[in-house]
Amino acid sequence: MDAMMKMWVSLIGIGLMAISAVIITFARIKTKGIVKFILSLIAFVLLIIGFICGVISII
């Protein structure tokens, strides 16, 4: 993978982690019940995908 592709993959990973942080903060402050669980699950999945993108950009 060339340097530009690694840059884009790492930026996507950072973006996904930032979106995940915003979603989990919103879910914990403003929602309750099943909506909180679904938003937390979505945030967790985005965090894992962002982490994988970060690991790929390092390798």
C-alpha atoms as a PDB file:
ATOM      1  CA  MET A   1       0.000   0.000   0.000  1.00  0.00           C
ATOM      2  CA  ASP A   2       1.436   3.384  -0.963  1.00  0.00           C
ATOM      3  CA  ALA A   3       1.748   6.345   1.402  1.00  0.00           C
ATOM      4  CA  MET A   4      -1.313   8.217   0.129  1.00  0.00           C
ATOM      5  CA  MET A   5      -3.561   5.191   0.581  1.00  0.00           C
ATOM      6  CA  LYS A   6      -2.255   4.729   4.136  1.00  0.00           C
ATOM      7  CA  MET A   7      -3.022   8.387   4.827  1.00  0.00           C
ATOM      8  CA  TRP A   8      -6.613   8.042   3.629  1.00  0.00           C
ATOM      9  CA  VAL A   9      -7.165   4.816   5.564  1.00  0.00           C
ATOM     10  CA  SER A  10      -5.848   6.412   8.755  1.00  0.00           C
ATOM     11  CA  LEU A  11      -8.017   9.511   8.249  1.00  0.00           C
ATOM     12  CA  ILE A  12     -11.081   7.316   7.764  1.00  0.00           C
ATOM     13  CA  GLY A  13     -10.182   5.460  10.959  1.00  0.00           C
ATOM     14  CA  ILE A  14      -9.804   8.714  12.896  1.00  0.00           C
ATOM     15  CA  GLY A  15     -13.100   9.983  11.513  1.00  0.00           C
ATOM     16  CA  LEU A  16     -14.942   6.804  12.462  1.00  0.00           C
ATOM     17  CA  MET A  17     -13.553   6.982  15.997  1.00  0.00           C
ATOM     18  CA  ALA A  18     -14.633  10.622  16.317  1.00  0.00           C
ATOM     19  CA  ILE A  19     -18.139   9.809  15.056  1.00  0.00           C
ATOM     20  CA  SER A  20     -18.257   6.916  17.511  1.00  0.00           C
ATOM     21  CA  ALA A  21     -17.376   9.227  20.407  1.00  0.00           C
ATOM     22  CA  VAL A  22     -20.117  11.691  19.422  1.00  0.00           C
ATOM     23  CA  ILE A  23     -22.727   8.936  19.089  1.00  0.00           C
ATOM     24  CA  ILE A  24     -21.884   7.340  22.448  1.00  0.00           C
ATOM     25  CA  THR A  25     -21.931  10.718  24.184  1.00  0.00           C
ATOM     26  CA  PHE A  26     -25.326  11.513  22.675  1.00  0.00           C
ATOM     27  CA  ALA A  27     -26.659   8.066  23.572  1.00  0.00           C
ATOM     28  CA  ARG A  28     -25.608   8.322  27.211  1.00  0.00           C
ATOM     29  CA  ILE A  29     -26.884  11.855  27.764  1.00  0.00           C
ATOM     30  CA  LYS A  30     -30.088  12.117  25.704  1.00  0.00           C
ATOM     31  CA  THR A  31     -31.550   8.624  25.250  1.00  0.00           C
ATOM     32  CA  LYS A  32     -32.891   5.745  27.323  1.00  0.00           C
ATOM     33  CA  GLY A  33     -33.832   2.119  26.864  1.00  0.00           C
ATOM     34  CA  ILE A  34     -33.518   0.280  23.569  1.00  0.00           C
ATOM     35  CA  VAL A  35     -32.512   3.421  21.638  1.00  0.00           C
ATOM     36  CA  LYS A  36     -29.543   3.864  23.979  1.00  0.00           C
ATOM     37  CA  PHE A  37     -28.541   0.248  23.412  1.00  0.00           C
ATOM     38  CA  ILE A  38     -28.829   0.476  19.626  1.00  0.00           C
ATOM     39  CA  LEU A  39     -26.839   3.726  19.452  1.00  0.00           C
ATOM     40  CA  SER A  40     -24.189   2.283  21.768  1.00  0.00           C
ATOM     41  CA  LEU A  41     -23.944  -0.821  19.604  1.00  0.00           C
ATOM     42  CA  ILE A  42     -23.563   1.287  16.440  1.00  0.00           C
ATOM     43  CA  ALA A  43     -20.881   3.382  18.155  1.00  0.00           C
ATOM     44  CA  PHE A  44     -19.038   0.237  19.251  1.00  0.00           C
ATOM     45  CA  VAL A  45     -19.070  -1.188  15.721  1.00  0.00           C
ATOM     46  CA  LEU A  46     -17.770   2.111  14.297  1.00  0.00           C
ATOM     47  CA  LEU A  47     -15.034   2.152  16.944  1.00  0.00           C
ATOM     48  CA  ILE A  48     -13.911  -1.369  16.012  1.00  0.00           C
ATOM     49  CA  ILE A  49     -13.893  -0.531  12.289  1.00  0.00           C
ATOM     50  CA  GLY A  50     -11.919   2.647  13.010  1.00  0.00           C
ATOM     51  CA  PHE A  51      -9.430   0.648  15.058  1.00  0.00           C
ATOM     52  CA  ILE A  52      -8.996  -1.864  12.246  1.00  0.00           C
ATOM     53  CA  CYS A  53      -8.396   0.986   9.778  1.00  0.00           C
ATOM     54  CA  GLY A  54      -5.772   2.409  12.122  1.00  0.00           C
ATOM     55  CA  VAL A  55      -3.989  -0.920  12.411  1.00  0.00           C
ATOM     56  CA  ILE A  56      -4.080  -1.387   8.636  1.00  0.00           C
ATOM     57  CA  SER A  57      -2.551   2.057   8.101  1.00  0.00           C
ATOM     58  CA  ILE A  58       0.350   1.202  10.417  1.00  0.00           C
ATOM     59  CA  ILE A  59       1.199  -2.085   8.702  1.00  0.00           C
END
